[in-house]
Each structure stands twice: as C-alpha cells, then as structure tokens.
C-alpha cells in the first residue's frame, strides 16, 4: 500500500514538472537566449 502511494506521488510530481515546462517553455527559451546574448556580449 505504501509503495503504491509512493509511486503515485512520484508520478504526480513528474506530471506537475512536465506541465510547468509546457506552460513556461517560451519564458524558459527567452531566458536562455538572454543569458547567451549577455555572455557573448561580455566576452567581446
């Protein structure tokens, strides 16, 4: 019983993380691009 609950909790965490990335994928991509631009500008 406890093992089943643990597996369900793990699956819910995974699905929550997946939903978070699906909703915020554009913001994450923009953030990564901004960091890359800042890093490139910093070195030139």
N, C-alpha and C. Protein backbone atom coordinates (compact mmCIF):
# COMPACT_ATOMS: atom_id res chain seq x y z
N UNK A 1 0.84 -1.20 0.00
CA UNK A 1 0.00 0.00 0.00
C UNK A 1 0.87 1.26 0.00
N UNK A 2 1.85 1.30 0.92
CA UNK A 2 2.72 2.47 0.99
C UNK A 2 3.53 2.63 -0.30
N UNK A 3 3.96 1.51 -0.89
CA UNK A 3 4.73 1.58 -2.13
C UNK A 3 3.87 2.16 -3.26
N UNK A 4 2.59 1.76 -3.31
CA UNK A 4 1.70 2.29 -4.34
C UNK A 4 1.55 3.81 -4.20
N UNK A 5 1.37 4.26 -2.96
CA UNK A 5 1.22 5.70 -2.72
C UNK A 5 2.49 6.43 -3.13
N UNK A 6 3.64 5.86 -2.82
CA UNK A 6 4.91 6.49 -3.18
C UNK A 6 5.04 6.61 -4.69
N UNK A 7 4.65 5.55 -5.42
CA UNK A 7 4.73 5.59 -6.89
C UNK A 7 3.79 6.65 -7.44
N UNK A 8 2.56 6.72 -6.90
CA UNK A 8 1.59 7.72 -7.36
C UNK A 8 2.12 9.12 -7.10
N UNK A 9 2.69 9.36 -5.91
CA UNK A 9 3.25 10.68 -5.58
C UNK A 9 4.36 11.05 -6.55
N UNK A 10 5.22 10.07 -6.87
CA UNK A 10 6.31 10.33 -7.80
C UNK A 10 5.76 10.71 -9.17
N UNK A 11 4.74 9.97 -9.64
CA UNK A 11 4.14 10.26 -10.94
C UNK A 11 3.48 11.64 -10.96
N UNK A 12 2.85 12.03 -9.84
CA UNK A 12 2.22 13.35 -9.80
C UNK A 12 3.28 14.44 -9.87
N UNK A 13 4.39 14.25 -9.15
CA UNK A 13 5.47 15.23 -9.21
C UNK A 13 5.98 15.37 -10.65
N UNK A 14 6.18 14.25 -11.32
CA UNK A 14 6.69 14.27 -12.70
C UNK A 14 5.71 15.00 -13.61
N UNK A 15 4.41 14.71 -13.48
CA UNK A 15 3.42 15.36 -14.34
C UNK A 15 3.33 16.85 -14.03
N UNK A 16 3.47 17.24 -12.76
CA UNK A 16 3.47 18.66 -12.42
C UNK A 16 4.66 19.38 -13.06
N UNK A 17 5.82 18.74 -13.01
CA UNK A 17 7.02 19.34 -13.63
C UNK A 17 6.83 19.46 -15.14
N UNK A 18 6.27 18.41 -15.78
CA UNK A 18 6.03 18.46 -17.22
C UNK A 18 5.06 19.58 -17.57
N UNK A 19 3.98 19.72 -16.79
CA UNK A 19 3.01 20.78 -17.05
C UNK A 19 3.65 22.15 -16.90
N UNK A 20 4.50 22.31 -15.87
CA UNK A 20 5.20 23.58 -15.65
C UNK A 20 6.04 23.95 -16.87
N UNK A 21 6.79 22.96 -17.41
CA UNK A 21 7.64 23.25 -18.57
C UNK A 21 6.81 23.54 -19.81
N UNK A 22 5.66 22.83 -19.99
CA UNK A 22 4.81 23.08 -21.15
C UNK A 22 4.24 24.49 -21.10
N UNK A 23 3.84 24.94 -19.91
CA UNK A 23 3.25 26.28 -19.78
C UNK A 23 4.30 27.37 -19.94
N UNK A 24 5.52 27.13 -19.47
CA UNK A 24 6.53 28.19 -19.40
C UNK A 24 7.68 28.01 -20.39
N UNK A 25 7.48 27.18 -21.41
CA UNK A 25 8.59 26.87 -22.33
C UNK A 25 9.08 28.13 -23.04
N UNK A 26 8.17 29.03 -23.43
CA UNK A 26 8.58 30.26 -24.11
C UNK A 26 9.43 31.14 -23.21
N UNK A 27 9.01 31.29 -21.95
CA UNK A 27 9.78 32.10 -21.00
C UNK A 27 11.16 31.49 -20.77
N UNK A 28 11.22 30.16 -20.68
CA UNK A 28 12.50 29.49 -20.44
C UNK A 28 13.44 29.70 -21.63
N UNK A 29 12.89 29.56 -22.86
CA UNK A 29 13.72 29.76 -24.07
C UNK A 29 14.23 31.19 -24.12
N UNK A 30 13.37 32.17 -23.84
CA UNK A 30 13.78 33.58 -23.87
C UNK A 30 14.86 33.82 -22.83
N UNK A 31 14.70 33.24 -21.64
CA UNK A 31 15.69 33.41 -20.58
C UNK A 31 17.05 32.86 -21.01
N UNK A 32 17.05 31.66 -21.61
CA UNK A 32 18.30 31.04 -22.06
C UNK A 32 18.95 31.90 -23.14
N UNK A 33 18.15 32.39 -24.09
CA UNK A 33 18.70 33.23 -25.15
C UNK A 33 19.29 34.52 -24.57
N UNK A 34 18.61 35.12 -23.62
CA UNK A 34 19.12 36.34 -22.99
C UNK A 34 20.44 36.08 -22.30
N UNK A 35 20.54 34.98 -21.57
CA UNK A 35 21.79 34.64 -20.87
C UNK A 35 22.91 34.44 -21.88
N UNK A 36 22.60 33.75 -23.00
CA UNK A 36 23.61 33.55 -24.03
C UNK A 36 24.07 34.87 -24.62
N UNK A 37 23.15 35.77 -24.93
CA UNK A 37 23.49 37.08 -25.51
C UNK A 37 24.36 37.87 -24.54
N UNK A 38 23.99 37.89 -23.28
CA UNK A 38 24.76 38.64 -22.27
C UNK A 38 26.17 38.07 -22.16
N UNK A 39 26.27 36.74 -22.18
CA UNK A 39 27.58 36.10 -22.07
C UNK A 39 28.45 36.45 -23.28
N UNK A 40 27.87 36.39 -24.48
CA UNK A 40 28.61 36.70 -25.70
C UNK A 40 29.06 38.16 -25.68
N UNK A 41 28.15 39.07 -25.32
CA UNK A 41 28.49 40.48 -25.29
C UNK A 41 29.58 40.74 -24.24
N UNK A 42 29.54 40.00 -23.15
CA UNK A 42 30.51 40.19 -22.08
C UNK A 42 31.92 39.87 -22.56
N UNK A 43 32.04 38.87 -23.45
CA UNK A 43 33.37 38.45 -23.90
C UNK A 43 33.91 39.28 -25.04
N UNK A 44 33.02 40.05 -25.73
CA UNK A 44 33.54 40.84 -26.87
C UNK A 44 33.84 42.24 -26.49
